[in-house]
Amino acid sequence: MATAHQDAEVDTLAHLEDRIQRAVALVHRLREEKDAALKELAETQAAWEESQTANMKLTEELDAMKSERTQVRSRIEKLLGHIDELGAA
């Protein structure tokens, strides 16, 4: 009877040991996944910041071009006005 009891304790201990090993493996895998996710997050944030900087530069360039277009339009209208004056004279 003592052997059956000892066998049950050994089986219980082996089962517990197996569960602990699986838990350790799971914790290890989850830590690796967390590290990978944090790395991906940092890369994504860096890419987002770069895109924000590029967007700001493009917005400034667009505003400058709009201003330049307005100035060119004004100058062309003045030149056309001068041409009209020459035609009327």
N, C-alpha and C. Protein backbone atom coordinates (compact mmCIF):
# COMPACT_ATOMS: atom_id res chain seq x y z
N MET A 1 0.83 -1.19 0.00
CA MET A 1 0.00 0.00 0.00
C MET A 1 0.87 1.25 0.00
N ALA A 2 1.99 1.17 0.64
CA ALA A 2 2.89 2.31 0.70
C ALA A 2 3.41 2.66 -0.68
N THR A 3 3.60 1.66 -1.52
CA THR A 3 4.09 1.94 -2.86
C THR A 3 3.03 2.63 -3.71
N ALA A 4 1.79 2.27 -3.57
CA ALA A 4 0.73 2.93 -4.33
C ALA A 4 0.63 4.39 -3.92
N HIS A 5 0.74 4.62 -2.62
CA HIS A 5 0.70 5.99 -2.11
C HIS A 5 1.92 6.79 -2.60
N GLN A 6 3.09 6.14 -2.60
CA GLN A 6 4.30 6.80 -3.08
C GLN A 6 4.21 7.07 -4.58
N ASP A 7 3.65 6.11 -5.31
CA ASP A 7 3.48 6.30 -6.77
C ASP A 7 2.54 7.47 -7.04
N ALA A 8 1.49 7.59 -6.26
CA ALA A 8 0.54 8.70 -6.44
C ALA A 8 1.22 10.03 -6.13
N GLU A 9 2.05 10.04 -5.09
CA GLU A 9 2.76 11.28 -4.75
C GLU A 9 3.77 11.64 -5.84
N VAL A 10 4.44 10.62 -6.39
CA VAL A 10 5.41 10.85 -7.46
C VAL A 10 4.69 11.36 -8.70
N ASP A 11 3.52 10.77 -9.02
CA ASP A 11 2.74 11.23 -10.17
C ASP A 11 2.27 12.67 -9.96
N THR A 12 1.82 12.97 -8.75
CA THR A 12 1.37 14.32 -8.44
C THR A 12 2.53 15.29 -8.54
N LEU A 13 3.67 14.89 -8.04
CA LEU A 13 4.86 15.73 -8.11
C LEU A 13 5.31 15.93 -9.56
N ALA A 14 5.27 14.86 -10.33
CA ALA A 14 5.64 14.95 -11.75
C ALA A 14 4.67 15.86 -12.49
N HIS A 15 3.39 15.73 -12.17
CA HIS A 15 2.37 16.59 -12.79
C HIS A 15 2.61 18.05 -12.43
N LEU A 16 2.91 18.31 -11.17
CA LEU A 16 3.18 19.66 -10.70
C LEU A 16 4.43 20.23 -11.39
N GLU A 17 5.46 19.39 -11.47
CA GLU A 17 6.70 19.80 -12.13
C GLU A 17 6.43 20.14 -13.60
N ASP A 18 5.63 19.33 -14.26
CA ASP A 18 5.28 19.58 -15.67
C ASP A 18 4.53 20.90 -15.81
N ARG A 19 3.58 21.15 -14.92
CA ARG A 19 2.81 22.40 -14.97
C ARG A 19 3.71 23.61 -14.74
N ILE A 20 4.66 23.48 -13.82
CA ILE A 20 5.58 24.58 -13.53
C ILE A 20 6.46 24.85 -14.75
N GLN A 21 6.95 23.78 -15.39
CA GLN A 21 7.78 23.94 -16.58
C GLN A 21 7.00 24.62 -17.71
N ARG A 22 5.75 24.22 -17.87
CA ARG A 22 4.91 24.87 -18.90
C ARG A 22 4.66 26.33 -18.57
N ALA A 23 4.46 26.63 -17.29
CA ALA A 23 4.24 28.01 -16.87
C ALA A 23 5.48 28.85 -17.12
N VAL A 24 6.65 28.30 -16.82
CA VAL A 24 7.91 29.01 -17.06
C VAL A 24 8.09 29.26 -18.56
N ALA A 25 7.81 28.24 -19.37
CA ALA A 25 7.93 28.39 -20.82
C ALA A 25 6.95 29.45 -21.33
N LEU A 26 5.75 29.45 -20.79
CA LEU A 26 4.75 30.44 -21.19
C LEU A 26 5.19 31.86 -20.83
N VAL A 27 5.71 32.03 -19.61
CA VAL A 27 6.19 33.34 -19.18
C VAL A 27 7.33 33.80 -20.08
N HIS A 28 8.23 32.89 -20.40
CA HIS A 28 9.36 33.23 -21.28
C HIS A 28 8.86 33.67 -22.66
N ARG A 29 7.91 32.90 -23.22
CA ARG A 29 7.36 33.23 -24.54
C ARG A 29 6.63 34.57 -24.51
N LEU A 30 5.87 34.81 -23.45
CA LEU A 30 5.13 36.08 -23.33
C LEU A 30 6.07 37.26 -23.20
N ARG A 31 7.18 37.08 -22.48
CA ARG A 31 8.17 38.16 -22.37
C ARG A 31 8.79 38.46 -23.73
N GLU A 32 9.09 37.41 -24.50
CA GLU A 32 9.65 37.62 -25.84
C GLU A 32 8.64 38.35 -26.73
N GLU A 33 7.37 37.96 -26.66
CA GLU A 33 6.33 38.62 -27.43
C GLU A 33 6.18 40.08 -27.01
N LYS A 34 6.27 40.33 -25.71
CA LYS A 34 6.17 41.70 -25.20
C LYS A 34 7.33 42.53 -25.73
N ASP A 35 8.55 41.98 -25.67
CA ASP A 35 9.72 42.70 -26.17
C ASP A 35 9.58 43.00 -27.66
N ALA A 36 9.10 42.02 -28.42
CA ALA A 36 8.89 42.22 -29.85
C ALA A 36 7.83 43.29 -30.11
N ALA A 37 6.77 43.27 -29.32
CA ALA A 37 5.71 44.25 -29.48
C ALA A 37 6.20 45.66 -29.12
N LEU A 38 7.01 45.76 -28.07
CA LEU A 38 7.56 47.07 -27.69
C LEU A 38 8.51 47.60 -28.76
N LYS A 39 9.29 46.70 -29.35
CA LYS A 39 10.20 47.11 -30.43
C LYS A 39 9.39 47.59 -31.63
N GLU A 40 8.35 46.85 -31.98
CA GLU A 40 7.50 47.24 -33.10
C GLU A 40 6.81 48.58 -32.82
N LEU A 41 6.38 48.78 -31.59
CA LEU A 41 5.75 50.04 -31.20
C LEU A 41 6.73 51.20 -31.36
N ALA A 42 7.96 51.01 -30.90
CA ALA A 42 8.97 52.07 -31.02
C ALA A 42 9.25 52.39 -32.48
N GLU A 43 9.34 51.36 -33.32
CA GLU A 43 9.57 51.58 -34.75
C GLU A 43 8.38 52.31 -35.38
N THR A 44 7.18 51.93 -34.99
CA THR A 44 5.98 52.57 -35.53
C THR A 44 5.91 54.04 -35.09
N GLN A 45 6.25 54.30 -33.84
CA GLN A 45 6.25 55.68 -33.36
C GLN A 45 7.29 56.52 -34.10
N ALA A 46 8.46 55.94 -34.34
CA ALA A 46 9.51 56.67 -35.06
C ALA A 46 9.05 56.96 -36.49
N ALA A 47 8.43 55.99 -37.13
CA ALA A 47 7.92 56.19 -38.50
C ALA A 47 6.83 57.25 -38.50
N TRP A 48 5.97 57.23 -37.49
CA TRP A 48 4.90 58.22 -37.40
C TRP A 48 5.48 59.62 -37.24
N GLU A 49 6.50 59.75 -36.38
CA GLU A 49 7.13 61.05 -36.19
C GLU A 49 7.79 61.55 -37.47
N GLU A 50 8.43 60.63 -38.21
CA GLU A 50 9.02 61.01 -39.49
C GLU A 50 7.96 61.47 -40.47
N SER A 51 6.84 60.77 -40.50
CA SER A 51 5.77 61.15 -41.43
C SER A 51 5.16 62.49 -41.02
N GLN A 52 5.07 62.75 -39.72
CA GLN A 52 4.56 64.04 -39.26
C GLN A 52 5.51 65.17 -39.69
N THR A 53 6.81 64.94 -39.58
CA THR A 53 7.80 65.94 -39.99
C THR A 53 7.70 66.17 -41.49
N ALA A 54 7.63 65.09 -42.25
CA ALA A 54 7.50 65.22 -43.71
C ALA A 54 6.21 65.94 -44.07
N ASN A 55 5.14 65.62 -43.37
CA ASN A 55 3.85 66.27 -43.63
C ASN A 55 3.94 67.77 -43.37
N MET A 56 4.62 68.14 -42.27
CA MET A 56 4.77 69.55 -41.94
C MET A 56 5.57 70.28 -43.03
N LYS A 57 6.65 69.64 -43.49
CA LYS A 57 7.47 70.24 -44.54
C LYS A 57 6.66 70.41 -45.83
N LEU A 58 5.89 69.39 -46.18
CA LEU A 58 5.08 69.46 -47.39
C LEU A 58 3.99 70.53 -47.28
N THR A 59 3.42 70.66 -46.09
CA THR A 59 2.41 71.69 -45.87
C THR A 59 3.02 73.08 -46.03
N GLU A 60 4.21 73.27 -45.48
CA GLU A 60 4.90 74.56 -45.63
C GLU A 60 5.22 74.82 -47.09
N GLU A 61 5.67 73.80 -47.81
CA GLU A 61 5.99 73.94 -49.23
C GLU A 61 4.73 74.29 -50.02
N LEU A 62 3.62 73.64 -49.70
CA LEU A 62 2.36 73.91 -50.38
C LEU A 62 1.91 75.35 -50.12
N ASP A 63 2.01 75.80 -48.88
CA ASP A 63 1.64 77.18 -48.55
C ASP A 63 2.52 78.17 -49.32
N ALA A 64 3.82 77.87 -49.41
CA ALA A 64 4.73 78.76 -50.15
C ALA A 64 4.35 78.79 -51.62
N MET A 65 4.00 77.66 -52.19
CA MET A 65 3.62 77.60 -53.60
C MET A 65 2.30 78.33 -53.85
N LYS A 66 1.38 78.22 -52.92
CA LYS A 66 0.11 78.95 -53.06
C LYS A 66 0.37 80.45 -53.03
N SER A 67 1.24 80.88 -52.14
CA SER A 67 1.59 82.29 -52.06
C SER A 67 2.27 82.75 -53.35
N GLU A 68 3.18 81.94 -53.83
CA GLU A 68 3.87 82.27 -55.08
C GLU A 68 2.89 82.33 -56.24
N ARG A 69 1.95 81.41 -56.28
CA ARG A 69 0.94 81.41 -57.34
C ARG A 69 0.11 82.69 -57.30
N THR A 70 -0.24 83.12 -56.11
CA THR A 70 -1.02 84.36 -55.95
C THR A 70 -0.21 85.55 -56.46
N GLN A 71 1.07 85.58 -56.12
CA GLN A 71 1.94 86.67 -56.59
C GLN A 71 2.08 86.64 -58.10
N VAL A 72 2.26 85.48 -58.68
CA VAL A 72 2.40 85.35 -60.14
C VAL A 72 1.10 85.77 -60.81
N ARG A 73 -0.02 85.35 -60.26
CA ARG A 73 -1.32 85.72 -60.83
C ARG A 73 -1.48 87.25 -60.82
N SER A 74 -1.11 87.86 -59.71
CA SER A 74 -1.22 89.31 -59.59
C SER A 74 -0.33 90.01 -60.62
N ARG A 75 0.89 89.54 -60.77
CA ARG A 75 1.81 90.15 -61.74
C ARG A 75 1.30 89.97 -63.17
N ILE A 76 0.75 88.78 -63.48
CA ILE A 76 0.20 88.54 -64.82
C ILE A 76 -1.00 89.44 -65.07
N GLU A 77 -1.85 89.62 -64.06
CA GLU A 77 -3.01 90.50 -64.22
C GLU A 77 -2.55 91.94 -64.49
N LYS A 78 -1.47 92.38 -63.82
CA LYS A 78 -0.94 93.72 -64.06
C LYS A 78 -0.41 93.83 -65.48
N LEU A 79 0.33 92.78 -65.90
CA LEU A 79 0.86 92.79 -67.27
C LEU A 79 -0.27 92.81 -68.29
N LEU A 80 -1.31 92.03 -68.06
CA LEU A 80 -2.45 92.04 -68.98
C LEU A 80 -3.14 93.40 -68.97
N GLY A 81 -3.17 94.03 -67.82
CA GLY A 81 -3.74 95.39 -67.75
C GLY A 81 -2.93 96.36 -68.58
N HIS A 82 -1.59 96.25 -68.52
CA HIS A 82 -0.73 97.11 -69.33
C HIS A 82 -0.93 96.85 -70.83
N ILE A 83 -1.08 95.56 -71.16
CA ILE A 83 -1.31 95.21 -72.57
C ILE A 83 -2.63 95.78 -73.04
N ASP A 84 -3.66 95.72 -72.21
CA ASP A 84 -4.97 96.28 -72.55
C ASP A 84 -4.86 97.78 -72.77
N GLU A 85 -4.07 98.45 -71.93
CA GLU A 85 -3.86 99.89 -72.07
C GLU A 85 -3.19 100.21 -73.40
N LEU A 86 -2.23 99.36 -73.80
CA LEU A 86 -1.56 99.58 -75.09
C LEU A 86 -2.52 99.37 -76.24
N GLY A 87 -3.41 98.39 -76.11
CA GLY A 87 -4.38 98.12 -77.17
C GLY A 87 -5.41 99.23 -77.26
N ALA A 88 -5.75 99.85 -76.14
CA ALA A 88 -6.76 100.90 -76.14
C ALA A 88 -6.19 102.21 -76.63
N ALA A 89 -4.86 102.36 -76.56
CA ALA A 89 -4.24 103.62 -76.94
C ALA A 89 -4.07 103.78 -78.40
